[in-house]
């Protein structure tokens, strides 16, 4: 698993779990399932749903009942569809990852092929998650997402690897 060259190159490979992929997608910001905007949208739709339901109870108008179900349906779709898509993505993503890390770039290899990513600040790299499940999320410039679980970086090279990856922070 651990290989390292004398030219400042670090090399390691890992297999992502479905949970790590899901958490990476959820925490990356690609899907808007959390944050202020999602909370505001959820609260507004919940208020509409409650308003129409109370109006239906008092006025017994079919319109209010229909709007209760419409706002409830939109509320469920807004919160459920992204999560279902993340689950689907997590099941179908490339799990086997090989990484060659240099001070100025890294080369990523998956079943889909090889890609070189510069560590010049064009790709956003951030650490997320709890201590035992900490992930590095790399939003690759030009599209793409890489999840690197901290557990995947061999202990002997973890400090140097993190300094290469997080040098812009």
N, C-alpha and C. Protein backbone atom coordinates (compact mmCIF):
# COMPACT_ATOMS: atom_id res chain seq x y z
N UNK A 1 0.82 -1.19 0.00
CA UNK A 1 0.00 0.00 0.00
C UNK A 1 0.87 1.26 0.00
N UNK A 2 1.94 1.27 0.76
CA UNK A 2 2.76 2.46 0.88
C UNK A 2 4.00 2.34 0.03
N UNK A 3 4.18 3.33 -0.80
CA UNK A 3 5.40 3.41 -1.58
C UNK A 3 5.80 4.87 -1.60
N UNK A 4 7.06 5.12 -1.52
CA UNK A 4 7.50 6.50 -1.59
C UNK A 4 8.85 6.55 -2.27
N UNK A 5 8.98 7.52 -3.16
CA UNK A 5 10.24 7.64 -3.89
C UNK A 5 11.15 8.67 -3.26
N UNK A 6 12.31 8.79 -3.79
CA UNK A 6 13.27 9.73 -3.23
C UNK A 6 13.12 11.12 -3.83
N UNK A 7 12.28 11.28 -4.85
CA UNK A 7 12.17 12.57 -5.52
C UNK A 7 11.01 13.41 -4.98
N UNK A 8 10.62 13.22 -3.72
CA UNK A 8 9.52 13.99 -3.15
C UNK A 8 8.16 13.45 -3.55
N UNK A 9 8.13 12.28 -4.13
CA UNK A 9 6.87 11.68 -4.56
C UNK A 9 6.35 10.76 -3.46
N UNK A 10 5.07 10.88 -3.18
CA UNK A 10 4.40 9.99 -2.25
C UNK A 10 3.37 9.21 -3.06
N UNK A 11 3.25 7.95 -2.79
CA UNK A 11 2.31 7.14 -3.56
C UNK A 11 1.56 6.21 -2.60
N UNK A 12 0.25 6.16 -2.76
CA UNK A 12 -0.57 5.25 -1.98
C UNK A 12 -1.86 4.97 -2.72
N UNK A 13 -2.51 3.91 -2.34
CA UNK A 13 -3.80 3.57 -2.96
C UNK A 13 -4.77 3.21 -1.85
N UNK A 14 -6.05 3.30 -2.17
CA UNK A 14 -7.08 3.01 -1.18
C UNK A 14 -8.38 2.65 -1.87
N UNK A 15 -9.26 2.06 -1.10
CA UNK A 15 -10.60 1.71 -1.57
C UNK A 15 -11.61 2.48 -0.73
N UNK A 16 -12.43 3.26 -1.40
CA UNK A 16 -13.46 4.04 -0.72
C UNK A 16 -14.65 3.15 -0.36
N UNK A 17 -15.21 3.40 0.81
CA UNK A 17 -16.46 2.72 1.18
C UNK A 17 -17.62 3.54 0.62
N UNK A 18 -18.76 2.92 0.53
CA UNK A 18 -19.95 3.63 0.05
C UNK A 18 -20.27 4.81 0.98
N UNK A 19 -20.10 4.63 2.27
CA UNK A 19 -20.37 5.70 3.24
C UNK A 19 -19.41 6.88 3.04
N UNK A 20 -18.15 6.59 2.77
CA UNK A 20 -17.18 7.68 2.55
C UNK A 20 -17.52 8.46 1.29
N UNK A 21 -17.96 7.78 0.26
CA UNK A 21 -18.37 8.48 -0.97
C UNK A 21 -19.59 9.34 -0.69
N UNK A 22 -20.58 8.76 0.00
CA UNK A 22 -21.80 9.50 0.33
C UNK A 22 -21.47 10.73 1.17
N UNK A 23 -20.66 10.54 2.23
CA UNK A 23 -20.29 11.66 3.08
C UNK A 23 -19.51 12.72 2.31
N UNK A 24 -18.64 12.27 1.42
CA UNK A 24 -17.89 13.21 0.59
C UNK A 24 -18.80 14.05 -0.29
N UNK A 25 -19.77 13.41 -0.91
CA UNK A 25 -20.73 14.14 -1.75
C UNK A 25 -21.56 15.10 -0.90
N UNK A 26 -22.01 14.63 0.25
CA UNK A 26 -22.86 15.44 1.13
C UNK A 26 -22.09 16.65 1.65
N UNK A 27 -20.85 16.46 2.06
CA UNK A 27 -20.07 17.53 2.68
C UNK A 27 -19.35 18.42 1.67
N UNK A 28 -19.34 18.02 0.42
CA UNK A 28 -18.59 18.79 -0.59
C UNK A 28 -19.30 20.06 -1.03
N UNK A 29 -20.60 20.13 -0.84
CA UNK A 29 -21.34 21.29 -1.30
C UNK A 29 -21.86 21.15 -2.71
N UNK A 30 -21.60 20.01 -3.35
CA UNK A 30 -22.12 19.77 -4.70
C UNK A 30 -23.64 19.73 -4.65
N UNK A 31 -24.18 19.08 -3.63
CA UNK A 31 -25.63 19.02 -3.42
C UNK A 31 -25.99 20.00 -2.33
N UNK A 32 -27.03 20.75 -2.54
CA UNK A 32 -27.45 21.76 -1.57
C UNK A 32 -28.47 21.17 -0.60
N UNK A 33 -28.00 20.28 0.28
CA UNK A 33 -28.90 19.65 1.25
C UNK A 33 -28.72 20.21 2.65
N UNK A 34 -27.74 21.09 2.82
CA UNK A 34 -27.53 21.70 4.12
C UNK A 34 -27.12 23.14 3.90
N UNK A 35 -26.99 23.86 4.96
CA UNK A 35 -26.64 25.26 4.86
C UNK A 35 -27.86 26.15 5.01
N UNK A 36 -27.62 27.43 5.01
CA UNK A 36 -28.68 28.41 5.26
C UNK A 36 -29.78 28.35 4.21
N UNK A 37 -29.38 28.24 2.95
CA UNK A 37 -30.37 28.24 1.87
C UNK A 37 -31.33 27.07 2.00
N UNK A 38 -30.80 25.88 2.24
CA UNK A 38 -31.64 24.69 2.37
C UNK A 38 -32.56 24.80 3.59
N UNK A 39 -32.06 25.36 4.67
CA UNK A 39 -32.88 25.53 5.87
C UNK A 39 -34.00 26.51 5.61
N UNK A 40 -33.68 27.63 4.96
CA UNK A 40 -34.70 28.65 4.65
C UNK A 40 -35.77 28.05 3.73
N UNK A 41 -35.36 27.34 2.69
CA UNK A 41 -36.33 26.73 1.78
C UNK A 41 -37.23 25.73 2.51
N UNK A 42 -36.64 24.92 3.37
CA UNK A 42 -37.41 23.93 4.11
C UNK A 42 -38.40 24.60 5.06
N UNK A 43 -37.96 25.63 5.76
CA UNK A 43 -38.85 26.33 6.70
C UNK A 43 -39.99 27.00 5.95
N UNK A 44 -39.69 27.66 4.84
CA UNK A 44 -40.75 28.34 4.07
C UNK A 44 -41.79 27.34 3.56
N UNK A 45 -41.32 26.23 3.01
CA UNK A 45 -42.27 25.22 2.52
C UNK A 45 -43.06 24.60 3.66
N UNK A 46 -42.45 24.40 4.80
CA UNK A 46 -43.16 23.85 5.96
C UNK A 46 -44.23 24.83 6.45
N UNK A 47 -43.90 26.11 6.44
CA UNK A 47 -44.88 27.14 6.83
C UNK A 47 -46.05 27.16 5.85
N UNK A 48 -45.77 27.10 4.55
CA UNK A 48 -46.85 27.04 3.56
C UNK A 48 -47.72 25.81 3.77
N UNK A 49 -47.09 24.68 3.99
CA UNK A 49 -47.82 23.44 4.20
C UNK A 49 -48.74 23.56 5.41
N UNK A 50 -48.21 24.08 6.50
CA UNK A 50 -48.99 24.26 7.71
C UNK A 50 -50.10 25.28 7.51
N UNK A 51 -49.80 26.39 6.84
CA UNK A 51 -50.81 27.42 6.55
C UNK A 51 -51.98 26.85 5.75
N UNK A 52 -51.68 26.13 4.67
CA UNK A 52 -52.75 25.57 3.84
C UNK A 52 -53.55 24.50 4.59
N UNK A 53 -52.87 23.73 5.43
CA UNK A 53 -53.58 22.70 6.19
C UNK A 53 -54.53 23.33 7.20
N UNK A 54 -54.07 24.35 7.92
CA UNK A 54 -54.93 25.04 8.90
C UNK A 54 -56.08 25.74 8.18
N UNK A 55 -55.79 26.34 7.02
CA UNK A 55 -56.85 26.98 6.23
C UNK A 55 -57.89 25.96 5.79
N UNK A 56 -57.44 24.78 5.41
CA UNK A 56 -58.37 23.72 5.02
C UNK A 56 -59.25 23.31 6.21
N UNK A 57 -58.66 23.20 7.38
CA UNK A 57 -59.44 22.79 8.57
C UNK A 57 -60.54 23.80 8.88
N UNK A 58 -60.26 25.08 8.69
CA UNK A 58 -61.25 26.11 9.00
C UNK A 58 -62.23 26.36 7.86
N UNK A 59 -61.79 26.31 6.62
CA UNK A 59 -62.63 26.70 5.49
C UNK A 59 -63.16 25.53 4.67
N UNK A 60 -62.57 24.38 4.84
CA UNK A 60 -62.97 23.16 4.11
C UNK A 60 -62.98 23.36 2.59
N UNK A 61 -62.04 24.14 2.07
CA UNK A 61 -61.92 24.35 0.63
C UNK A 61 -60.92 23.35 0.07
N UNK A 62 -61.29 22.75 -1.06
CA UNK A 62 -60.44 21.76 -1.69
C UNK A 62 -59.10 22.35 -2.12
N UNK A 63 -59.10 23.61 -2.54
CA UNK A 63 -57.87 24.27 -2.96
C UNK A 63 -56.81 24.21 -1.85
N UNK A 64 -57.21 24.50 -0.61
CA UNK A 64 -56.27 24.49 0.51
C UNK A 64 -55.71 23.09 0.77
N UNK A 65 -56.55 22.08 0.62
CA UNK A 65 -56.09 20.71 0.81
C UNK A 65 -55.09 20.32 -0.29
N UNK A 66 -55.40 20.68 -1.52
CA UNK A 66 -54.49 20.39 -2.64
C UNK A 66 -53.16 21.11 -2.44
N UNK A 67 -53.20 22.37 -2.04
CA UNK A 67 -51.96 23.12 -1.83
C UNK A 67 -51.17 22.58 -0.64
N UNK A 68 -51.86 22.01 0.35
CA UNK A 68 -51.16 21.35 1.46
C UNK A 68 -50.32 20.21 0.92
N UNK A 69 -50.92 19.38 0.06
CA UNK A 69 -50.20 18.23 -0.50
C UNK A 69 -49.13 18.66 -1.50
N UNK A 70 -49.39 19.71 -2.26
CA UNK A 70 -48.38 20.21 -3.20
C UNK A 70 -47.16 20.72 -2.44
N UNK A 71 -47.38 21.56 -1.42
CA UNK A 71 -46.23 22.09 -0.67
C UNK A 71 -45.52 20.98 0.11
N UNK A 72 -46.26 20.00 0.61
CA UNK A 72 -45.64 18.85 1.28
C UNK A 72 -44.82 18.03 0.30
N UNK A 73 -45.35 17.83 -0.91
CA UNK A 73 -44.63 17.08 -1.94
C UNK A 73 -43.34 17.77 -2.35
N UNK A 74 -43.40 19.09 -2.55
CA UNK A 74 -42.20 19.85 -2.92
C UNK A 74 -41.19 19.80 -1.78
N UNK A 75 -41.67 19.90 -0.54
CA UNK A 75 -40.79 19.81 0.62
C UNK A 75 -40.07 18.46 0.67
N UNK A 76 -40.79 17.40 0.44
CA UNK A 76 -40.19 16.07 0.44
C UNK A 76 -39.20 15.90 -0.71
N UNK A 77 -39.59 16.37 -1.90
CA UNK A 77 -38.70 16.26 -3.06
C UNK A 77 -37.42 17.06 -2.86
N UNK A 78 -37.56 18.25 -2.30
CA UNK A 78 -36.41 19.12 -2.08
C UNK A 78 -35.39 18.46 -1.15
N UNK A 79 -35.88 17.71 -0.19
CA UNK A 79 -34.98 17.09 0.79
C UNK A 79 -34.65 15.64 0.47
N UNK A 80 -35.48 14.97 -0.30
CA UNK A 80 -35.28 13.55 -0.54
C UNK A 80 -34.49 13.26 -1.83
N UNK A 81 -34.80 13.96 -2.90
CA UNK A 81 -34.18 13.68 -4.20
C UNK A 81 -32.64 13.80 -4.16
N UNK A 82 -32.09 14.88 -3.58
CA UNK A 82 -30.61 14.94 -3.53
C UNK A 82 -30.00 13.78 -2.74
N UNK A 83 -30.64 13.40 -1.65
CA UNK A 83 -30.10 12.29 -0.84
C UNK A 83 -30.16 10.97 -1.60
N UNK A 84 -31.25 10.75 -2.32
CA UNK A 84 -31.36 9.53 -3.12
C UNK A 84 -30.33 9.52 -4.24
N UNK A 85 -30.10 10.67 -4.85
CA UNK A 85 -29.10 10.75 -5.92
C UNK A 85 -27.69 10.52 -5.36
N UNK A 86 -27.42 11.06 -4.17
CA UNK A 86 -26.11 10.83 -3.56
C UNK A 86 -25.91 9.35 -3.26
N UNK A 87 -26.96 8.67 -2.79
CA UNK A 87 -26.87 7.22 -2.54
C UNK A 87 -26.57 6.47 -3.83
N UNK A 88 -27.27 6.87 -4.91
CA UNK A 88 -27.06 6.23 -6.21
C UNK A 88 -25.62 6.46 -6.69
N UNK A 89 -25.14 7.70 -6.56
CA UNK A 89 -23.77 8.03 -6.96
C UNK A 89 -22.76 7.24 -6.13
N UNK A 90 -23.03 7.12 -4.83
CA UNK A 90 -22.11 6.41 -3.94
C UNK A 90 -22.00 4.93 -4.32
N UNK A 91 -23.08 4.36 -4.83
CA UNK A 91 -23.05 2.95 -5.23
C UNK A 91 -22.31 2.75 -6.54
N UNK A 92 -22.35 3.76 -7.41
CA UNK A 92 -21.80 3.58 -8.75
C UNK A 92 -20.43 4.24 -8.97
N UNK A 93 -19.90 4.94 -7.99
CA UNK A 93 -18.62 5.64 -8.16
C UNK A 93 -17.45 4.67 -8.20
N UNK A 94 -16.34 5.17 -8.73
CA UNK A 94 -15.10 4.40 -8.75
C UNK A 94 -14.53 4.38 -7.35
N UNK A 95 -14.35 3.19 -6.81
CA UNK A 95 -13.91 3.05 -5.42
C UNK A 95 -12.42 2.86 -5.28
N UNK A 96 -11.79 2.24 -6.25
CA UNK A 96 -10.35 1.98 -6.20
C UNK A 96 -9.62 3.23 -6.68
N UNK A 97 -8.76 3.78 -5.82
CA UNK A 97 -8.06 5.02 -6.14
C UNK A 97 -6.57 4.82 -5.88
N UNK A 98 -5.75 5.24 -6.85
CA UNK A 98 -4.30 5.29 -6.67
C UNK A 98 -3.90 6.75 -6.80
N UNK A 99 -3.07 7.19 -5.89
CA UNK A 99 -2.67 8.59 -5.86
C UNK A 99 -1.15 8.69 -5.82
N UNK A 100 -0.60 9.46 -6.74
CA UNK A 100 0.83 9.82 -6.72
C UNK A 100 0.87 11.30 -6.41
N UNK A 101 1.47 11.63 -5.30
CA UNK A 101 1.44 12.99 -4.79
C UNK A 101 2.83 13.61 -4.85
N UNK A 102 2.90 14.78 -5.49
CA UNK A 102 4.14 15.55 -5.60
C UNK A 102 3.90 16.89 -4.90
N UNK A 103 4.94 17.65 -4.61
CA UNK A 103 4.75 18.94 -3.92
C UNK A 103 3.87 19.92 -4.71
N UNK A 104 3.85 19.83 -6.03
CA UNK A 104 3.11 20.80 -6.85
C UNK A 104 1.87 20.24 -7.54
N UNK A 105 1.66 18.93 -7.47
CA UNK A 105 0.52 18.31 -8.16
C UNK A 105 0.32 16.90 -7.63
N UNK A 106 -0.80 16.32 -8.02
CA UNK A 106 -0.99 14.89 -7.78
C UNK A 106 -1.60 14.25 -9.01
N UNK A 107 -1.34 12.98 -9.17
CA UNK A 107 -1.90 12.21 -10.29
C UNK A 107 -2.83 11.18 -9.68
N UNK A 108 -4.06 11.23 -10.15
CA UNK A 108 -5.13 10.39 -9.65
C UNK A 108 -5.42 9.32 -10.69
N UNK A 109 -5.49 8.08 -10.26
CA UNK A 109 -5.81 6.98 -11.17
C UNK A 109 -6.98 6.19 -10.61
N UNK A 110 -8.03 6.05 -11.43
CA UNK A 110 -9.19 5.22 -11.11
C UNK A 110 -9.49 4.35 -12.32
N UNK A 111 -10.56 3.59 -12.24
CA UNK A 111 -10.98 2.77 -13.37
C UNK A 111 -11.30 3.63 -14.59
N UNK A 112 -11.68 4.89 -14.36
CA UNK A 112 -12.04 5.79 -15.45
C UNK A 112 -10.82 6.34 -16.17
N UNK A 113 -9.65 6.22 -15.57
CA UNK A 113 -8.44 6.73 -16.21
C UNK A 113 -7.58 7.52 -15.25
N UNK A 114 -6.66 8.28 -15.83
CA UNK A 114 -5.69 9.03 -15.05
C UNK A 114 -5.93 10.52 -15.24
N UNK A 115 -5.69 11.29 -14.18
CA UNK A 115 -5.87 12.74 -14.26
C UNK A 115 -4.82 13.41 -13.39
N UNK A 116 -4.22 14.46 -13.92
CA UNK A 116 -3.24 15.24 -13.18
C UNK A 116 -3.91 16.50 -12.65
N UNK A 117 -3.71 16.79 -11.37
CA UNK A 117 -4.33 17.95 -10.74
C UNK A 117 -3.23 18.79 -10.10
N UNK A 118 -3.16 20.06 -10.50
CA UNK A 118 -2.16 20.96 -9.95
C UNK A 118 -2.56 21.41 -8.55
N UNK A 119 -1.58 21.56 -7.69
CA UNK A 119 -1.81 22.05 -6.33
C UNK A 119 -1.45 23.53 -6.25
N UNK A 120 -2.04 24.30 -7.17
CA UNK A 120 -1.75 25.74 -7.26
C UNK A 120 -2.91 26.60 -6.77
N UNK A 121 -3.90 25.99 -6.12
CA UNK A 121 -5.03 26.73 -5.60
C UNK A 121 -6.23 26.75 -6.53
N UNK A 122 -6.11 26.20 -7.73
CA UNK A 122 -7.25 26.18 -8.65
C UNK A 122 -8.28 25.13 -8.26
N UNK A 123 -7.85 24.10 -7.57
CA UNK A 123 -8.76 23.08 -7.06
C UNK A 123 -8.92 23.31 -5.56
N UNK A 124 -10.17 23.28 -5.12
CA UNK A 124 -10.45 23.51 -3.70
C UNK A 124 -10.23 22.22 -2.91
N UNK A 125 -9.42 22.31 -1.87
CA UNK A 125 -9.15 21.15 -1.02
C UNK A 125 -9.46 21.55 0.42
N UNK A 126 -10.33 20.76 1.05
CA UNK A 126 -10.63 21.05 2.45
C UNK A 126 -10.87 19.78 3.24
N UNK A 127 -10.60 19.88 4.52
CA UNK A 127 -10.80 18.75 5.43
C UNK A 127 -12.18 18.90 6.06
N UNK A 128 -12.93 17.81 6.09
CA UNK A 128 -14.27 17.82 6.67
C UNK A 128 -14.47 16.55 7.49
N UNK A 129 -15.50 16.58 8.32
CA UNK A 129 -15.86 15.38 9.07
C UNK A 129 -15.27 15.35 10.46
N UNK A 130 -15.67 14.33 11.18
CA UNK A 130 -15.21 14.12 12.55
C UNK A 130 -13.82 13.49 12.55
N UNK A 131 -13.19 13.49 13.70
CA UNK A 131 -11.81 13.01 13.81
C UNK A 131 -11.63 11.58 13.31
N UNK A 132 -12.53 10.67 13.68
CA UNK A 132 -12.37 9.27 13.27
C UNK A 132 -12.77 9.03 11.82
N UNK A 133 -13.59 9.89 11.24
CA UNK A 133 -14.01 9.74 9.86
C UNK A 133 -13.65 10.93 9.01
N UNK A 134 -12.52 11.57 9.31
CA UNK A 134 -12.13 12.78 8.60
C UNK A 134 -11.83 12.49 7.13
N UNK A 135 -12.30 13.39 6.28
CA UNK A 135 -12.11 13.26 4.83
C UNK A 135 -11.47 14.52 4.29
N UNK A 136 -10.65 14.35 3.27
CA UNK A 136 -10.19 15.48 2.47
C UNK A 136 -11.04 15.48 1.21
N UNK A 137 -11.68 16.60 0.94
CA UNK A 137 -12.53 16.75 -0.23
C UNK A 137 -11.80 17.64 -1.22
N UNK A 138 -11.59 17.13 -2.43
CA UNK A 138 -10.92 17.90 -3.48
C UNK A 138 -11.93 18.14 -4.59
N UNK A 139 -12.33 19.41 -4.74
CA UNK A 139 -13.18 19.79 -5.87
C UNK A 139 -12.23 20.22 -6.98
N UNK A 140 -12.08 19.34 -7.94
CA UNK A 140 -11.10 19.53 -9.01
C UNK A 140 -11.58 20.61 -9.97
N UNK A 141 -10.67 21.55 -10.28
CA UNK A 141 -10.98 22.61 -11.23
C UNK A 141 -11.36 21.98 -12.56
N UNK A 142 -12.42 22.47 -13.16
CA UNK A 142 -12.89 21.91 -14.42
C UNK A 142 -13.89 20.78 -14.22
N UNK A 143 -14.20 20.47 -12.98
CA UNK A 143 -15.19 19.44 -12.69
C UNK A 143 -14.56 18.18 -12.13
N UNK A 144 -15.21 17.60 -11.22
CA UNK A 144 -14.74 16.37 -10.61
C UNK A 144 -14.59 16.53 -9.11
N UNK A 145 -14.68 15.41 -8.44
CA UNK A 145 -14.60 15.39 -6.99
C UNK A 145 -13.76 14.19 -6.58
N UNK A 146 -12.84 14.42 -5.67
CA UNK A 146 -12.01 13.35 -5.13
C UNK A 146 -12.19 13.34 -3.62
N UNK A 147 -12.43 12.16 -3.07
CA UNK A 147 -12.55 11.98 -1.63
C UNK A 147 -11.33 11.19 -1.17
N UNK A 148 -10.60 11.76 -0.23
CA UNK A 148 -9.44 11.07 0.34
C UNK A 148 -9.69 10.91 1.84
N UNK A 149 -10.01 9.71 2.27
CA UNK A 149 -10.17 9.50 3.72
C UNK A 149 -8.81 9.61 4.39
N UNK A 150 -8.76 10.23 5.54
CA UNK A 150 -7.50 10.38 6.26
C UNK A 150 -6.90 9.01 6.58
N UNK A 151 -7.74 8.03 6.82
CA UNK A 151 -7.27 6.67 7.13
C UNK A 151 -6.50 6.06 5.96
N UNK A 152 -6.71 6.57 4.73
CA UNK A 152 -6.08 6.00 3.54
C UNK A 152 -4.63 6.44 3.38
N UNK A 153 -4.27 7.55 4.01
CA UNK A 153 -2.90 8.05 3.90
C UNK A 153 -2.07 7.32 4.94
N UNK A 154 -1.08 6.54 4.50
CA UNK A 154 -0.25 5.80 5.47
C UNK A 154 0.35 6.72 6.53
N UNK A 155 0.35 6.24 7.75
CA UNK A 155 0.80 7.02 8.91
C UNK A 155 2.18 7.65 8.70
N UNK A 156 3.11 6.93 8.11
CA UNK A 156 4.47 7.42 7.94
C UNK A 156 4.59 8.60 6.99
N UNK A 157 3.64 8.78 6.10
CA UNK A 157 3.72 9.88 5.14
C UNK A 157 2.57 10.87 5.31
N UNK A 158 1.73 10.69 6.32
CA UNK A 158 0.54 11.53 6.49
C UNK A 158 0.88 13.01 6.63
N UNK A 159 1.84 13.34 7.46
CA UNK A 159 2.21 14.74 7.66
C UNK A 159 2.66 15.41 6.38
N UNK A 160 3.54 14.76 5.65
CA UNK A 160 4.05 15.32 4.40
C UNK A 160 2.95 15.40 3.35
N UNK A 161 2.12 14.37 3.27
CA UNK A 161 1.01 14.38 2.31
C UNK A 161 0.03 15.51 2.60
N UNK A 162 -0.30 15.71 3.86
CA UNK A 162 -1.21 16.79 4.22
C UNK A 162 -0.59 18.16 3.95
N UNK A 163 0.72 18.28 4.16
CA UNK A 163 1.35 19.58 3.86
C UNK A 163 1.34 19.86 2.36
N UNK A 164 1.51 18.83 1.53
CA UNK A 164 1.40 19.02 0.08
C UNK A 164 -0.01 19.44 -0.31
N UNK A 165 -0.99 18.70 0.21
CA UNK A 165 -2.39 18.92 -0.20
C UNK A 165 -2.97 20.21 0.34
N UNK A 166 -2.63 20.55 1.59
CA UNK A 166 -3.25 21.71 2.23
C UNK A 166 -2.34 22.92 2.26
N UNK A 167 -1.37 23.00 1.36
CA UNK A 167 -0.40 24.08 1.37
C UNK A 167 -1.02 25.46 1.15
N UNK A 168 -2.18 25.53 0.52
CA UNK A 168 -2.81 26.83 0.28
C UNK A 168 -3.66 27.32 1.42
N UNK A 169 -3.87 26.47 2.44
CA UNK A 169 -4.74 26.87 3.56
C UNK A 169 -4.02 27.72 4.57
